[in-house]
Every structure is written in C-alpha cells, then in structure tokens.
Amino acid sequence: MDKNIAKRVALGAILAAMVTIATILHVPLPGLRIYFNLGEGVIYAIAILLGARYGGACGGIGAALADILLGYPLWAPLTLIIKGTEGYIVGRLAPKGRIFAMAAGAAVMIAGYTTSAGLLYGWKVAPVEFMTDIAQTGMGAAFALVFVPILEKRIIKRT
C-alpha cells in the first residue's frame, strides 16, 4: 500500500474521531431530544484546512458515529448524508471565503435537519429544530473562525 494513501486514511480516521468526540461532548436541552455541541466547528475547521474530501468524509462519518453512540441510531444515516454534504460544501467553497463557505454549509445542515425532523416527528417540531440548528451552526462557525487561524499558524510553523 502506498504510504501516502495510508497516511491520508489514518489522518481521516483521526479527524473523524475528533468530530465524534466533539459531538459526544454535548449540552442537551431538557425536555427535547436536541443538544448543542462543537462538532460543527470541528467539521468546519477540517473542511477549511484540508478541503472538501476530508470535510465531507470526516464530517459525515464522525457525526453519524456520534449519533449511534449517543443513542440516536435513526438519525445516523441522515447525519451521514447531511453532515457529509455540509463538510464537503464548506471545503469546496472555502477558497471563495470562509464565512461564505460556512454559511452555505450551515444552510445545508439547517435544511437537512429541519426537513428530517419534520418528516420523522411531525411539522410542529420543525421550527424548534430550525432555531436550534441556527444556533448550532453559529456556534460552530464562531469556533472555526477562532481556531482555524491558530491552527494555520501552528501548521505553518512546523513546515
């Protein structure tokens, strides 16, 4: 096996695990099956720093695994698609502007989860999902905007 391929797969696995951990460390909202986490921010950071492939794969796989581990297996396939698409779009659009890229990714995430919640639980829950997703993506974007420049400085120093 080519060493570069092995390194890329290993890096992807580590980063997907980081998304999983950042998602598992969450704050649940009492009375609702909704929680806030920093998984979004980690997905955005990965996508901005390493591009669409890593953003999509690590975002989708890592977040879906968190759903399984947190007891939301019904959401795992939806999360794989929604977060994978979100990470891919952020990575793809990041060269055009980080805020623009994260806004586009957030739109995918918000639309995906709001629609899914409406279909699964009824449309009365959609507004709650919509509002929490706006807060979730906003916190994730703020996290990425703070930490990506720090990581870039560290990476550039080492090379």
N, C-alpha and C. Protein backbone atom coordinates (compact mmCIF):
# COMPACT_ATOMS: atom_id res chain seq x y z
N MET A 1 0.85 -1.18 0.00
CA MET A 1 0.00 0.00 0.00
C MET A 1 0.89 1.25 0.00
N ASP A 2 0.51 2.20 -0.79
CA ASP A 2 1.23 3.47 -0.87
C ASP A 2 1.21 4.16 0.49
N LYS A 3 2.37 4.62 0.95
CA LYS A 3 2.45 5.27 2.26
C LYS A 3 1.59 6.52 2.34
N ASN A 4 1.49 7.27 1.25
CA ASN A 4 0.67 8.48 1.26
C ASN A 4 -0.80 8.15 1.45
N ILE A 5 -1.26 7.08 0.83
CA ILE A 5 -2.66 6.68 1.00
C ILE A 5 -2.90 6.26 2.44
N ALA A 6 -1.98 5.48 3.00
CA ALA A 6 -2.11 5.05 4.39
C ALA A 6 -2.14 6.25 5.33
N LYS A 7 -1.29 7.24 5.08
CA LYS A 7 -1.27 8.44 5.92
C LYS A 7 -2.58 9.22 5.80
N ARG A 8 -3.12 9.32 4.60
CA ARG A 8 -4.38 10.06 4.40
C ARG A 8 -5.54 9.34 5.08
N VAL A 9 -5.56 8.02 4.99
CA VAL A 9 -6.63 7.25 5.65
C VAL A 9 -6.51 7.39 7.17
N ALA A 10 -5.29 7.29 7.69
CA ALA A 10 -5.08 7.43 9.13
C ALA A 10 -5.48 8.83 9.60
N LEU A 11 -5.09 9.86 8.86
CA LEU A 11 -5.48 11.22 9.22
C LEU A 11 -7.00 11.38 9.20
N GLY A 12 -7.63 10.84 8.18
CA GLY A 12 -9.08 10.89 8.09
C GLY A 12 -9.75 10.22 9.27
N ALA A 13 -9.23 9.07 9.68
CA ALA A 13 -9.80 8.35 10.82
C ALA A 13 -9.65 9.15 12.11
N ILE A 14 -8.49 9.76 12.30
CA ILE A 14 -8.26 10.58 13.49
C ILE A 14 -9.20 11.78 13.50
N LEU A 15 -9.35 12.43 12.36
CA LEU A 15 -10.21 13.60 12.28
C LEU A 15 -11.68 13.24 12.44
N ALA A 16 -12.11 12.11 11.88
CA ALA A 16 -13.49 11.66 12.09
C ALA A 16 -13.72 11.38 13.57
N ALA A 17 -12.73 10.81 14.24
CA ALA A 17 -12.84 10.57 15.68
C ALA A 17 -12.95 11.89 16.44
N MET A 18 -12.23 12.91 15.98
CA MET A 18 -12.34 14.23 16.63
C MET A 18 -13.75 14.80 16.49
N VAL A 19 -14.35 14.62 15.31
CA VAL A 19 -15.74 15.07 15.12
C VAL A 19 -16.66 14.30 16.07
N THR A 20 -16.45 13.00 16.17
CA THR A 20 -17.27 12.17 17.06
C THR A 20 -17.16 12.67 18.50
N ILE A 21 -15.95 12.88 18.97
CA ILE A 21 -15.74 13.32 20.35
C ILE A 21 -16.34 14.71 20.58
N ALA A 22 -16.11 15.62 19.64
CA ALA A 22 -16.65 16.98 19.78
C ALA A 22 -18.18 16.98 19.78
N THR A 23 -18.78 15.99 19.14
CA THR A 23 -20.24 15.87 19.11
C THR A 23 -20.76 15.20 20.38
N ILE A 24 -20.04 14.21 20.86
CA ILE A 24 -20.45 13.50 22.07
C ILE A 24 -20.41 14.42 23.29
N LEU A 25 -19.42 15.31 23.33
CA LEU A 25 -19.35 16.28 24.43
C LEU A 25 -20.38 17.36 24.15
N HIS A 26 -21.58 17.14 24.62
CA HIS A 26 -22.71 17.99 24.24
C HIS A 26 -23.49 18.49 25.46
N VAL A 27 -24.33 19.46 25.20
CA VAL A 27 -25.22 20.01 26.22
C VAL A 27 -26.65 19.76 25.74
N PRO A 28 -27.37 18.84 26.39
CA PRO A 28 -28.76 18.57 25.97
C PRO A 28 -29.72 19.65 26.44
N LEU A 29 -30.79 19.84 25.69
CA LEU A 29 -31.86 20.74 26.08
C LEU A 29 -32.91 19.91 26.82
N PRO A 30 -33.22 20.25 28.06
CA PRO A 30 -34.20 19.47 28.83
C PRO A 30 -35.56 19.41 28.13
N GLY A 31 -36.13 18.21 28.13
CA GLY A 31 -37.46 18.02 27.56
C GLY A 31 -37.48 17.80 26.07
N LEU A 32 -36.37 18.01 25.40
CA LEU A 32 -36.30 17.83 23.95
C LEU A 32 -35.17 16.86 23.61
N ARG A 33 -35.26 16.23 22.48
CA ARG A 33 -34.18 15.35 22.03
C ARG A 33 -33.22 16.15 21.14
N ILE A 34 -32.79 17.31 21.65
CA ILE A 34 -31.92 18.22 20.93
C ILE A 34 -30.74 18.53 21.84
N TYR A 35 -29.57 18.69 21.26
CA TYR A 35 -28.40 19.06 22.06
C TYR A 35 -27.46 19.94 21.23
N PHE A 36 -26.64 20.73 21.95
CA PHE A 36 -25.63 21.57 21.33
C PHE A 36 -24.26 20.94 21.53
N ASN A 37 -23.39 21.09 20.53
CA ASN A 37 -22.04 20.54 20.62
C ASN A 37 -21.10 21.35 19.73
N LEU A 38 -19.81 21.01 19.79
CA LEU A 38 -18.81 21.69 18.95
C LEU A 38 -18.43 20.87 17.72
N GLY A 39 -19.17 19.82 17.44
CA GLY A 39 -18.88 19.01 16.26
C GLY A 39 -18.90 19.81 14.97
N GLU A 40 -19.84 20.75 14.91
CA GLU A 40 -19.96 21.62 13.73
C GLU A 40 -18.68 22.40 13.49
N GLY A 41 -18.14 22.96 14.58
CA GLY A 41 -16.92 23.74 14.47
C GLY A 41 -15.74 22.91 14.01
N VAL A 42 -15.67 21.67 14.49
CA VAL A 42 -14.58 20.79 14.07
C VAL A 42 -14.74 20.43 12.59
N ILE A 43 -15.96 20.17 12.15
CA ILE A 43 -16.20 19.89 10.73
C ILE A 43 -15.77 21.08 9.89
N TYR A 44 -16.18 22.28 10.28
CA TYR A 44 -15.82 23.48 9.53
C TYR A 44 -14.30 23.65 9.48
N ALA A 45 -13.63 23.45 10.62
CA ALA A 45 -12.18 23.61 10.66
C ALA A 45 -11.49 22.61 9.74
N ILE A 46 -11.91 21.36 9.78
CA ILE A 46 -11.33 20.32 8.92
C ILE A 46 -11.54 20.69 7.46
N ALA A 47 -12.75 21.07 7.12
CA ALA A 47 -13.08 21.39 5.73
C ALA A 47 -12.28 22.59 5.23
N ILE A 48 -12.15 23.62 6.06
CA ILE A 48 -11.40 24.82 5.65
C ILE A 48 -9.92 24.50 5.50
N LEU A 49 -9.37 23.75 6.43
CA LEU A 49 -7.93 23.48 6.42
C LEU A 49 -7.52 22.41 5.41
N LEU A 50 -8.36 21.40 5.23
CA LEU A 50 -7.95 20.24 4.42
C LEU A 50 -8.80 19.99 3.18
N GLY A 51 -9.88 20.74 3.02
CA GLY A 51 -10.65 20.63 1.80
C GLY A 51 -11.90 19.78 1.89
N ALA A 52 -12.56 19.69 0.74
CA ALA A 52 -13.87 19.07 0.63
C ALA A 52 -13.89 17.58 0.95
N ARG A 53 -12.89 16.85 0.50
CA ARG A 53 -12.90 15.39 0.75
C ARG A 53 -12.83 15.08 2.24
N TYR A 54 -11.87 15.70 2.93
CA TYR A 54 -11.76 15.47 4.37
C TYR A 54 -12.98 16.02 5.10
N GLY A 55 -13.43 17.21 4.72
CA GLY A 55 -14.60 17.80 5.37
C GLY A 55 -15.82 16.92 5.23
N GLY A 56 -16.05 16.41 4.03
CA GLY A 56 -17.21 15.55 3.79
C GLY A 56 -17.13 14.21 4.49
N ALA A 57 -16.00 13.55 4.31
CA ALA A 57 -15.85 12.20 4.88
C ALA A 57 -15.80 12.24 6.40
N CYS A 58 -14.96 13.11 6.95
CA CYS A 58 -14.82 13.17 8.41
C CYS A 58 -16.08 13.71 9.06
N GLY A 59 -16.70 14.70 8.43
CA GLY A 59 -17.93 15.26 8.98
C GLY A 59 -19.05 14.24 9.00
N GLY A 60 -19.26 13.57 7.89
CA GLY A 60 -20.35 12.60 7.80
C GLY A 60 -20.13 11.39 8.69
N ILE A 61 -18.96 10.78 8.58
CA ILE A 61 -18.68 9.56 9.36
C ILE A 61 -18.60 9.87 10.85
N GLY A 62 -17.88 10.92 11.21
CA GLY A 62 -17.72 11.25 12.63
C GLY A 62 -19.03 11.59 13.31
N ALA A 63 -19.85 12.41 12.67
CA ALA A 63 -21.13 12.80 13.27
C ALA A 63 -22.12 11.63 13.31
N ALA A 64 -22.12 10.80 12.28
CA ALA A 64 -23.01 9.63 12.27
C ALA A 64 -22.63 8.65 13.38
N LEU A 65 -21.34 8.46 13.57
CA LEU A 65 -20.89 7.59 14.66
C LEU A 65 -21.32 8.15 16.01
N ALA A 66 -21.24 9.47 16.18
CA ALA A 66 -21.70 10.08 17.43
C ALA A 66 -23.19 9.82 17.64
N ASP A 67 -23.99 9.91 16.58
CA ASP A 67 -25.42 9.62 16.71
C ASP A 67 -25.64 8.21 17.23
N ILE A 68 -24.90 7.26 16.71
CA ILE A 68 -25.04 5.87 17.14
C ILE A 68 -24.64 5.74 18.61
N LEU A 69 -23.50 6.32 18.97
CA LEU A 69 -23.01 6.20 20.34
C LEU A 69 -23.88 6.95 21.35
N LEU A 70 -24.54 8.01 20.92
CA LEU A 70 -25.41 8.78 21.81
C LEU A 70 -26.83 8.21 21.91
N GLY A 71 -27.12 7.15 21.15
CA GLY A 71 -28.44 6.54 21.23
C GLY A 71 -29.45 7.08 20.25
N TYR A 72 -28.99 7.69 19.15
CA TYR A 72 -29.87 8.20 18.11
C TYR A 72 -29.61 7.48 16.78
N PRO A 73 -29.68 6.15 16.75
CA PRO A 73 -29.31 5.43 15.52
C PRO A 73 -30.20 5.75 14.33
N LEU A 74 -31.45 6.14 14.58
CA LEU A 74 -32.36 6.51 13.50
C LEU A 74 -31.78 7.67 12.69
N TRP A 75 -31.06 8.57 13.37
CA TRP A 75 -30.51 9.76 12.73
C TRP A 75 -29.19 9.50 12.01
N ALA A 76 -28.50 8.41 12.31
CA ALA A 76 -27.16 8.19 11.78
C ALA A 76 -27.09 8.24 10.24
N PRO A 77 -27.97 7.54 9.50
CA PRO A 77 -27.88 7.63 8.04
C PRO A 77 -28.16 9.04 7.51
N LEU A 78 -29.12 9.72 8.16
CA LEU A 78 -29.43 11.09 7.76
C LEU A 78 -28.24 12.01 8.05
N THR A 79 -27.64 11.83 9.21
CA THR A 79 -26.48 12.63 9.60
C THR A 79 -25.31 12.38 8.66
N LEU A 80 -25.09 11.14 8.28
CA LEU A 80 -24.01 10.83 7.35
C LEU A 80 -24.15 11.66 6.07
N ILE A 81 -25.35 11.74 5.56
CA ILE A 81 -25.60 12.50 4.33
C ILE A 81 -25.55 14.01 4.58
N ILE A 82 -26.26 14.46 5.62
CA ILE A 82 -26.36 15.90 5.88
C ILE A 82 -25.00 16.49 6.25
N LYS A 83 -24.34 15.90 7.24
CA LYS A 83 -23.06 16.44 7.69
C LYS A 83 -21.97 16.21 6.66
N GLY A 84 -22.05 15.09 5.95
CA GLY A 84 -21.08 14.85 4.88
C GLY A 84 -21.19 15.90 3.78
N THR A 85 -22.41 16.20 3.39
CA THR A 85 -22.64 17.23 2.37
C THR A 85 -22.21 18.60 2.89
N GLU A 86 -22.55 18.89 4.12
CA GLU A 86 -22.17 20.16 4.73
C GLU A 86 -20.65 20.34 4.73
N GLY A 87 -19.92 19.33 5.19
CA GLY A 87 -18.46 19.41 5.22
C GLY A 87 -17.85 19.53 3.84
N TYR A 88 -18.42 18.80 2.88
CA TYR A 88 -17.93 18.87 1.50
C TYR A 88 -18.11 20.27 0.93
N ILE A 89 -19.29 20.84 1.14
CA ILE A 89 -19.58 22.18 0.61
C ILE A 89 -18.68 23.23 1.25
N VAL A 90 -18.49 23.15 2.55
CA VAL A 90 -17.61 24.12 3.22
C VAL A 90 -16.20 24.00 2.65
N GLY A 91 -15.70 22.80 2.51
CA GLY A 91 -14.36 22.62 1.96
C GLY A 91 -14.23 23.08 0.52
N ARG A 92 -15.27 22.84 -0.24
CA ARG A 92 -15.27 23.24 -1.66
C ARG A 92 -15.32 24.75 -1.82
N LEU A 93 -16.10 25.44 -0.97
CA LEU A 93 -16.30 26.87 -1.10
C LEU A 93 -15.32 27.71 -0.28
N ALA A 94 -14.57 27.10 0.61
CA ALA A 94 -13.65 27.85 1.49
C ALA A 94 -12.69 28.77 0.74
N PRO A 95 -12.15 28.38 -0.41
CA PRO A 95 -11.26 29.31 -1.12
C PRO A 95 -11.97 30.60 -1.56
N LYS A 96 -13.27 30.58 -1.65
CA LYS A 96 -14.03 31.78 -2.06
C LYS A 96 -14.37 32.67 -0.87
N GLY A 97 -14.10 32.19 0.32
CA GLY A 97 -14.38 32.96 1.54
C GLY A 97 -14.89 32.04 2.62
N ARG A 98 -14.27 32.09 3.76
CA ARG A 98 -14.63 31.17 4.85
C ARG A 98 -16.04 31.40 5.37
N ILE A 99 -16.40 32.64 5.56
CA ILE A 99 -17.75 32.92 6.09
C ILE A 99 -18.80 32.49 5.08
N PHE A 100 -18.57 32.78 3.81
CA PHE A 100 -19.49 32.34 2.75
C PHE A 100 -19.61 30.82 2.75
N ALA A 101 -18.48 30.14 2.86
CA ALA A 101 -18.47 28.67 2.84
C ALA A 101 -19.24 28.11 4.04
N MET A 102 -19.00 28.66 5.21
CA MET A 102 -19.71 28.17 6.40
C MET A 102 -21.20 28.48 6.34
N ALA A 103 -21.56 29.62 5.77
CA ALA A 103 -22.98 29.95 5.61
C ALA A 103 -23.66 28.97 4.67
N ALA A 104 -22.98 28.61 3.59
CA ALA A 104 -23.54 27.63 2.65
C ALA A 104 -23.66 26.26 3.31
N GLY A 105 -22.64 25.85 4.05
CA GLY A 105 -22.70 24.59 4.77
C GLY A 105 -23.80 24.59 5.82
N ALA A 106 -23.93 25.71 6.52
CA ALA A 106 -24.99 25.84 7.53
C ALA A 106 -26.36 25.72 6.90
N ALA A 107 -26.54 26.30 5.73
CA ALA A 107 -27.83 26.22 5.04
C ALA A 107 -28.18 24.77 4.73
N VAL A 108 -27.19 23.99 4.32
CA VAL A 108 -27.41 22.56 4.05
C VAL A 108 -27.79 21.83 5.33
N MET A 109 -27.07 22.11 6.40
CA MET A 109 -27.33 21.44 7.67
C MET A 109 -28.72 21.80 8.20
N ILE A 110 -29.04 23.08 8.18
CA ILE A 110 -30.34 23.54 8.70
C ILE A 110 -31.48 22.96 7.87
N ALA A 111 -31.37 23.03 6.57
CA ALA A 111 -32.43 22.49 5.70
C ALA A 111 -32.56 20.97 5.89
N GLY A 112 -31.43 20.28 5.96
CA GLY A 112 -31.45 18.82 6.10
C GLY A 112 -32.09 18.36 7.40
N TYR A 113 -31.67 18.94 8.51
CA TYR A 113 -32.20 18.51 9.80
C TYR A 113 -33.62 19.00 10.04
N THR A 114 -33.95 20.20 9.59
CA THR A 114 -35.32 20.69 9.77
C THR A 114 -36.31 19.83 8.97
N THR A 115 -35.95 19.52 7.74
CA THR A 115 -36.80 18.67 6.91
C THR A 115 -36.91 17.26 7.51
N SER A 116 -35.78 16.72 7.95
CA SER A 116 -35.79 15.37 8.53
C SER A 116 -36.63 15.31 9.79
N ALA A 117 -36.48 16.31 10.67
CA ALA A 117 -37.27 16.34 11.90
C ALA A 117 -38.76 16.45 11.58
N GLY A 118 -39.09 17.27 10.60
CA GLY A 118 -40.49 17.42 10.20
C GLY A 118 -41.07 16.11 9.70
N LEU A 119 -40.31 15.41 8.88
CA LEU A 119 -40.78 14.13 8.33
C LEU A 119 -40.87 13.05 9.41
N LEU A 120 -39.91 13.02 10.33
CA LEU A 120 -39.87 11.98 11.35
C LEU A 120 -40.85 12.22 12.50
N TYR A 121 -40.95 13.46 12.95
CA TYR A 121 -41.70 13.74 14.17
C TYR A 121 -42.92 14.63 13.97
N GLY A 122 -43.14 15.10 12.77
CA GLY A 122 -44.26 16.00 12.50
C GLY A 122 -43.77 17.42 12.34
N TRP A 123 -44.48 18.19 11.56
CA TRP A 123 -44.02 19.53 11.20
C TRP A 123 -44.10 20.53 12.34
N LYS A 124 -44.77 20.17 13.42
CA LYS A 124 -44.81 21.08 14.58
C LYS A 124 -43.43 21.23 15.23
N VAL A 125 -42.57 20.22 15.09
CA VAL A 125 -41.24 20.30 15.69
C VAL A 125 -40.23 21.03 14.79
N ALA A 126 -40.58 21.23 13.54
CA ALA A 126 -39.65 21.84 12.59
C ALA A 126 -39.15 23.22 13.03
N PRO A 127 -40.01 24.11 13.54
CA PRO A 127 -39.48 25.42 13.97
C PRO A 127 -38.46 25.32 15.11
N VAL A 128 -38.67 24.39 16.03
CA VAL A 128 -37.71 24.21 17.13
C VAL A 128 -36.39 23.71 16.57
N GLU A 129 -36.46 22.74 15.69
CA GLU A 129 -35.25 22.21 15.04
C GLU A 129 -34.54 23.32 14.27
N PHE A 130 -35.29 24.10 13.53
CA PHE A 130 -34.74 25.20 12.74
C PHE A 130 -33.96 26.18 13.61
N MET A 131 -34.56 26.59 14.71
CA MET A 131 -33.91 27.57 15.59
C MET A 131 -32.67 27.00 16.26
N THR A 132 -32.74 25.75 16.71
CA THR A 132 -31.56 25.17 17.36
C THR A 132 -30.45 24.93 16.35
N ASP A 133 -30.79 24.62 15.12
CA ASP A 133 -29.78 24.43 14.08
C ASP A 133 -29.08 25.74 13.72
N ILE A 134 -29.83 26.83 13.75
CA ILE A 134 -29.21 28.14 13.52
C ILE A 134 -28.19 28.43 14.63
N ALA A 135 -28.58 28.17 15.87
CA ALA A 135 -27.65 28.38 16.99
C ALA A 135 -26.45 27.44 16.89
N GLN A 136 -26.70 26.19 16.54
CA GLN A 136 -25.63 25.19 16.43
C GLN A 136 -24.61 25.59 15.37
N THR A 137 -25.08 25.97 14.21
CA THR A 137 -24.15 26.34 13.13
C THR A 137 -23.45 27.66 13.44
N GLY A 138 -24.13 28.57 14.13
CA GLY A 138 -23.49 29.82 14.53
C GLY A 138 -22.35 29.59 15.51
N MET A 139 -22.58 28.72 16.50
CA MET A 139 -21.52 28.38 17.45
C MET A 139 -20.36 27.68 16.74
N GLY A 140 -20.70 26.80 15.81
CA GLY A 140 -19.66 26.10 15.06
C GLY A 140 -18.82 27.05 14.23
N ALA A 141 -19.47 27.99 13.57
CA ALA A 141 -18.75 28.97 12.75
C ALA A 141 -17.85 29.85 13.62
N ALA A 142 -18.36 30.28 14.77
CA ALA A 142 -17.55 31.09 15.68
C ALA A 142 -16.32 30.31 16.14
N PHE A 143 -16.52 29.04 16.49
CA PHE A 143 -15.42 28.18 16.90
C PHE A 143 -14.38 28.09 15.79
N ALA A 144 -14.82 27.82 14.57
CA ALA A 144 -13.89 27.67 13.44
C ALA A 144 -13.16 28.98 13.15
N LEU A 145 -13.87 30.10 13.20
CA LEU A 145 -13.24 31.39 12.91
C LEU A 145 -12.15 31.72 13.92
N VAL A 146 -12.30 31.25 15.15
CA VAL A 146 -11.28 31.48 16.17
C VAL A 146 -10.11 30.50 16.02
N PHE A 147 -10.41 29.21 15.84
CA PHE A 147 -9.37 28.20 15.90
C PHE A 147 -8.64 27.92 14.59
N VAL A 148 -9.26 28.14 13.45
CA VAL A 148 -8.58 27.89 12.19
C VAL A 148 -7.32 28.75 12.04
N PRO A 149 -7.36 30.05 12.32
CA PRO A 149 -6.12 30.84 12.21
C PRO A 149 -5.03 30.36 13.18
N ILE A 150 -5.42 29.93 14.36
CA ILE A 150 -4.46 29.41 15.33
C ILE A 150 -3.81 28.14 14.78
N LEU A 151 -4.63 27.24 14.25
CA LEU A 151 -4.10 26.00 13.68
C LEU A 151 -3.22 26.28 12.47
N GLU A 152 -3.62 27.23 11.65
CA GLU A 152 -2.80 27.58 10.48
C GLU A 152 -1.42 28.07 10.89
N LYS A 153 -1.35 28.89 11.93
CA LYS A 153 -0.05 29.37 12.41
C LYS A 153 0.81 28.22 12.90
N ARG A 154 0.19 27.28 13.61
CA ARG A 154 0.92 26.12 14.13
C ARG A 154 1.42 25.23 13.01
N ILE A 155 0.58 25.03 12.01
CA ILE A 155 0.94 24.17 10.88
C ILE A 155 2.06 24.82 10.05
N ILE A 156 1.95 26.11 9.80
CA ILE A 156 2.96 26.82 9.00
C ILE A 156 4.28 26.84 9.75
N LYS A 157 4.27 27.00 11.07
CA LYS A 157 5.49 26.98 11.87
C LYS A 157 6.24 25.66 11.74
N ARG A 158 5.51 24.57 11.69
CA ARG A 158 6.13 23.24 11.64
C ARG A 158 6.67 22.86 10.28
N THR A 159 6.16 23.50 9.21
CA THR A 159 6.61 23.12 7.87
C THR A 159 7.75 23.97 7.41
